[in-house]
């Protein structure tokens, strides 16, 4: 999970850089819908970078493989969801649009695995191993 923490820090840093780039460098270059798409990618990247840090902290309290899988899905979500929005906004190639929901599903699976792991670790779910 140390690697996840490092990746979360890098991802958080990149989301700040990309957010500043959008606000200052892309503001007059992209249409409003494309700029909004780019900013949505930045927001979701930051949210999930913070979630990854939470997963590392929780893993120290509840060391379960599900938390590792959750972090993997969240990392995949950052790449697929945010990455596809960045590419769509910067290139205008609409082919990147259909990739975004796949990243969204990765985020959902990551959060679901976190929930199951926490309930499992707190013995809320009996008989689940």
C-alpha atoms as a PDB file:
ATOM      1  CA  UNK A   1       0.000   0.000   0.000  1.00  0.00           C
ATOM      2  CA  UNK A   2       3.031   2.274   0.196  1.00  0.00           C
ATOM      3  CA  UNK A   3       2.981   2.440  -3.610  1.00  0.00           C
ATOM      4  CA  UNK A   4      -0.700   3.424  -3.512  1.00  0.00           C
ATOM      5  CA  UNK A   5       0.123   6.254  -1.102  1.00  0.00           C
ATOM      6  CA  UNK A   6       2.857   7.506  -3.425  1.00  0.00           C
ATOM      7  CA  UNK A   7       0.561   7.294  -6.443  1.00  0.00           C
ATOM      8  CA  UNK A   8      -2.176   9.111  -4.525  1.00  0.00           C
ATOM      9  CA  UNK A   9       0.231  11.932  -3.691  1.00  0.00           C
ATOM     10  CA  UNK A  10       1.367  12.202  -7.314  1.00  0.00           C
ATOM     11  CA  UNK A  11      -2.236  12.091  -8.526  1.00  0.00           C
ATOM     12  CA  UNK A  12      -3.274  14.801  -6.073  1.00  0.00           C
ATOM     13  CA  UNK A  13      -0.355  16.964  -7.155  1.00  0.00           C
ATOM     14  CA  UNK A  14      -1.230  16.444 -10.821  1.00  0.00           C
ATOM     15  CA  UNK A  15      -4.844  17.373 -10.203  1.00  0.00           C
ATOM     16  CA  UNK A  16      -3.728  20.706  -8.716  1.00  0.00           C
ATOM     17  CA  UNK A  17      -1.394  21.308 -11.669  1.00  0.00           C
ATOM     18  CA  UNK A  18      -4.070  20.363 -14.203  1.00  0.00           C
ATOM     19  CA  UNK A  19      -6.668  22.496 -12.430  1.00  0.00           C
ATOM     20  CA  UNK A  20      -4.361  25.517 -12.583  1.00  0.00           C
ATOM     21  CA  UNK A  21      -3.586  24.728 -16.221  1.00  0.00           C
ATOM     22  CA  UNK A  22      -7.304  24.651 -17.011  1.00  0.00           C
ATOM     23  CA  UNK A  23      -8.030  27.872 -15.136  1.00  0.00           C
ATOM     24  CA  UNK A  24      -5.144  29.846 -16.600  1.00  0.00           C
ATOM     25  CA  UNK A  25      -4.019  28.121 -19.776  1.00  0.00           C
ATOM     26  CA  UNK A  26      -7.182  26.665 -21.247  1.00  0.00           C
ATOM     27  CA  UNK A  27      -9.778  29.220 -20.180  1.00  0.00           C
ATOM     28  CA  UNK A  28      -9.650  31.147 -23.465  1.00  0.00           C
ATOM     29  CA  UNK A  29      -8.708  28.193 -25.682  1.00  0.00           C
ATOM     30  CA  UNK A  30     -11.511  25.693 -25.045  1.00  0.00           C
ATOM     31  CA  UNK A  31     -15.247  25.986 -25.424  1.00  0.00           C
ATOM     32  CA  UNK A  32     -17.182  26.103 -22.173  1.00  0.00           C
ATOM     33  CA  UNK A  33     -18.428  22.472 -22.461  1.00  0.00           C
ATOM     34  CA  UNK A  34     -14.882  21.170 -23.090  1.00  0.00           C
ATOM     35  CA  UNK A  35     -13.459  23.284 -20.263  1.00  0.00           C
ATOM     36  CA  UNK A  36     -16.189  21.945 -17.964  1.00  0.00           C
ATOM     37  CA  UNK A  37     -15.330  18.380 -18.998  1.00  0.00           C
ATOM     38  CA  UNK A  38     -11.657  19.011 -18.213  1.00  0.00           C
ATOM     39  CA  UNK A  39     -12.550  20.515 -14.817  1.00  0.00           C
ATOM     40  CA  UNK A  40     -14.792  17.545 -14.038  1.00  0.00           C
ATOM     41  CA  UNK A  41     -11.806  15.277 -14.668  1.00  0.00           C
ATOM     42  CA  UNK A  42      -9.714  17.385 -12.283  1.00  0.00           C
ATOM     43  CA  UNK A  43     -12.378  17.252  -9.547  1.00  0.00           C
ATOM     44  CA  UNK A  44     -12.843  13.506  -9.751  1.00  0.00           C
ATOM     45  CA  UNK A  45      -9.095  12.962  -9.822  1.00  0.00           C
ATOM     46  CA  UNK A  46      -8.677  14.977  -6.617  1.00  0.00           C
ATOM     47  CA  UNK A  47     -11.615  13.291  -4.874  1.00  0.00           C
ATOM     48  CA  UNK A  48     -10.232   9.869  -5.663  1.00  0.00           C
ATOM     49  CA  UNK A  49      -6.651  10.824  -4.820  1.00  0.00           C
ATOM     50  CA  UNK A  50      -7.924  11.685  -1.347  1.00  0.00           C
ATOM     51  CA  UNK A  51      -9.930   8.448  -1.271  1.00  0.00           C
ATOM     52  CA  UNK A  52      -6.734   6.527  -2.039  1.00  0.00           C
ATOM     53  CA  UNK A  53      -5.045   8.130   0.962  1.00  0.00           C
ATOM     54  CA  UNK A  54      -8.051   7.105   3.064  1.00  0.00           C
ATOM     55  CA  UNK A  55      -7.702   3.544   1.783  1.00  0.00           C
ATOM     56  CA  UNK A  56      -4.060   3.411   2.896  1.00  0.00           C
ATOM     57  CA  UNK A  57      -5.008   4.656   6.380  1.00  0.00           C
ATOM     58  CA  UNK A  58      -7.863   2.163   6.615  1.00  0.00           C
ATOM     59  CA  UNK A  59      -5.630  -0.659   5.414  1.00  0.00           C
ATOM     60  CA  UNK A  60      -3.423  -0.054   8.451  1.00  0.00           C
ATOM     61  CA  UNK A  61      -6.494  -0.501  10.679  1.00  0.00           C
ATOM     62  CA  UNK A  62      -8.283  -3.191   8.667  1.00  0.00           C
ATOM     63  CA  UNK A  63      -5.670  -5.036   6.584  1.00  0.00           C
ATOM     64  CA  UNK A  64      -7.913  -6.679   3.997  1.00  0.00           C
ATOM     65  CA  UNK A  65      -7.237  -7.543   0.399  1.00  0.00           C
ATOM     66  CA  UNK A  66     -10.511  -5.876  -0.589  1.00  0.00           C
ATOM     67  CA  UNK A  67      -8.956  -2.507   0.259  1.00  0.00           C
ATOM     68  CA  UNK A  68      -6.077  -3.241  -2.098  1.00  0.00           C
ATOM     69  CA  UNK A  69      -8.560  -4.135  -4.841  1.00  0.00           C
ATOM     70  CA  UNK A  70     -10.541  -0.994  -4.059  1.00  0.00           C
ATOM     71  CA  UNK A  71      -7.430   1.117  -4.536  1.00  0.00           C
ATOM     72  CA  UNK A  72      -6.725  -0.608  -7.844  1.00  0.00           C
ATOM     73  CA  UNK A  73     -10.205   0.181  -9.123  1.00  0.00           C
ATOM     74  CA  UNK A  74      -9.932   3.783  -7.979  1.00  0.00           C
ATOM     75  CA  UNK A  75      -6.578   4.167  -9.720  1.00  0.00           C
ATOM     76  CA  UNK A  76      -8.061   2.665 -12.877  1.00  0.00           C
ATOM     77  CA  UNK A  77     -10.988   5.056 -12.542  1.00  0.00           C
ATOM     78  CA  UNK A  78      -8.650   8.043 -12.355  1.00  0.00           C
ATOM     79  CA  UNK A  79      -6.852   6.958 -15.511  1.00  0.00           C
ATOM     80  CA  UNK A  80      -9.988   6.016 -17.466  1.00  0.00           C
ATOM     81  CA  UNK A  81     -12.470   8.616 -16.236  1.00  0.00           C
ATOM     82  CA  UNK A  82     -10.291  11.680 -15.725  1.00  0.00           C
ATOM     83  CA  UNK A  83      -7.811  10.726 -18.433  1.00  0.00           C
ATOM     84  CA  UNK A  84     -10.514  10.314 -21.050  1.00  0.00           C
ATOM     85  CA  UNK A  85     -12.037  13.679 -20.127  1.00  0.00           C
ATOM     86  CA  UNK A  86      -8.628  15.366 -20.406  1.00  0.00           C
ATOM     87  CA  UNK A  87      -8.026  13.803 -23.811  1.00  0.00           C
ATOM     88  CA  UNK A  88     -11.529  14.616 -25.023  1.00  0.00           C
ATOM     89  CA  UNK A  89     -11.176  18.260 -23.961  1.00  0.00           C
ATOM     90  CA  UNK A  90      -7.673  18.730 -25.348  1.00  0.00           C
ATOM     91  CA  UNK A  91      -8.101  16.896 -28.647  1.00  0.00           C
ATOM     92  CA  UNK A  92     -11.815  17.224 -29.333  1.00  0.00           C
ATOM     93  CA  UNK A  93     -11.784  13.564 -30.409  1.00  0.00           C
ATOM     94  CA  UNK A  94     -15.202  12.273 -29.378  1.00  0.00           C
ATOM     95  CA  UNK A  95     -13.934   8.689 -29.378  1.00  0.00           C
ATOM     96  CA  UNK A  96     -12.604   9.300 -25.855  1.00  0.00           C
ATOM     97  CA  UNK A  97     -16.128   9.999 -24.552  1.00  0.00           C
ATOM     98  CA  UNK A  98     -17.260   6.359 -24.344  1.00  0.00           C
ATOM     99  CA  UNK A  99     -14.228   5.515 -22.168  1.00  0.00           C
ATOM    100  CA  UNK A 100     -15.395   7.872 -19.418  1.00  0.00           C
ATOM    101  CA  UNK A 101     -18.274   5.654 -18.152  1.00  0.00           C
ATOM    102  CA  UNK A 102     -15.883   2.701 -17.854  1.00  0.00           C
ATOM    103  CA  UNK A 103     -13.813   4.817 -15.486  1.00  0.00           C
ATOM    104  CA  UNK A 104     -16.993   5.738 -13.630  1.00  0.00           C
ATOM    105  CA  UNK A 105     -17.809   2.061 -13.161  1.00  0.00           C
ATOM    106  CA  UNK A 106     -14.284   1.546 -11.789  1.00  0.00           C
ATOM    107  CA  UNK A 107     -14.939   4.313  -9.240  1.00  0.00           C
ATOM    108  CA  UNK A 108     -18.237   2.687  -8.235  1.00  0.00           C
ATOM    109  CA  UNK A 109     -16.615  -0.737  -7.835  1.00  0.00           C
ATOM    110  CA  UNK A 110     -13.798   0.819  -5.802  1.00  0.00           C
ATOM    111  CA  UNK A 111     -16.255   2.470  -3.422  1.00  0.00           C
ATOM    112  CA  UNK A 112     -18.334  -0.726  -3.180  1.00  0.00           C
ATOM    113  CA  UNK A 113     -15.259  -2.757  -2.289  1.00  0.00           C
ATOM    114  CA  UNK A 114     -14.388  -0.194   0.366  1.00  0.00           C
ATOM    115  CA  UNK A 115     -17.869  -0.503   1.865  1.00  0.00           C
ATOM    116  CA  UNK A 116     -17.779  -4.304   1.899  1.00  0.00           C
ATOM    117  CA  UNK A 117     -14.301  -4.276   3.409  1.00  0.00           C
ATOM    118  CA  UNK A 118     -15.276  -1.915   6.211  1.00  0.00           C
ATOM    119  CA  UNK A 119     -18.434  -3.873   7.057  1.00  0.00           C
ATOM    120  CA  UNK A 120     -16.493  -7.116   6.889  1.00  0.00           C
ATOM    121  CA  UNK A 121     -13.747  -5.736   9.119  1.00  0.00           C
ATOM    122  CA  UNK A 122     -16.291  -4.410  11.609  1.00  0.00           C
ATOM    123  CA  UNK A 123     -18.067  -7.789  11.680  1.00  0.00           C
ATOM    124  CA  UNK A 124     -21.284  -6.252  10.382  1.00  0.00           C
ATOM    125  CA  UNK A 125     -21.549  -8.951   7.754  1.00  0.00           C
ATOM    126  CA  UNK A 126     -21.536 -12.386   9.293  1.00  0.00           C
ATOM    127  CA  UNK A 127     -20.033 -15.295   7.424  1.00  0.00           C
ATOM    128  CA  UNK A 128     -18.365 -13.237   4.673  1.00  0.00           C
ATOM    129  CA  UNK A 129     -14.728 -14.119   4.293  1.00  0.00           C
END
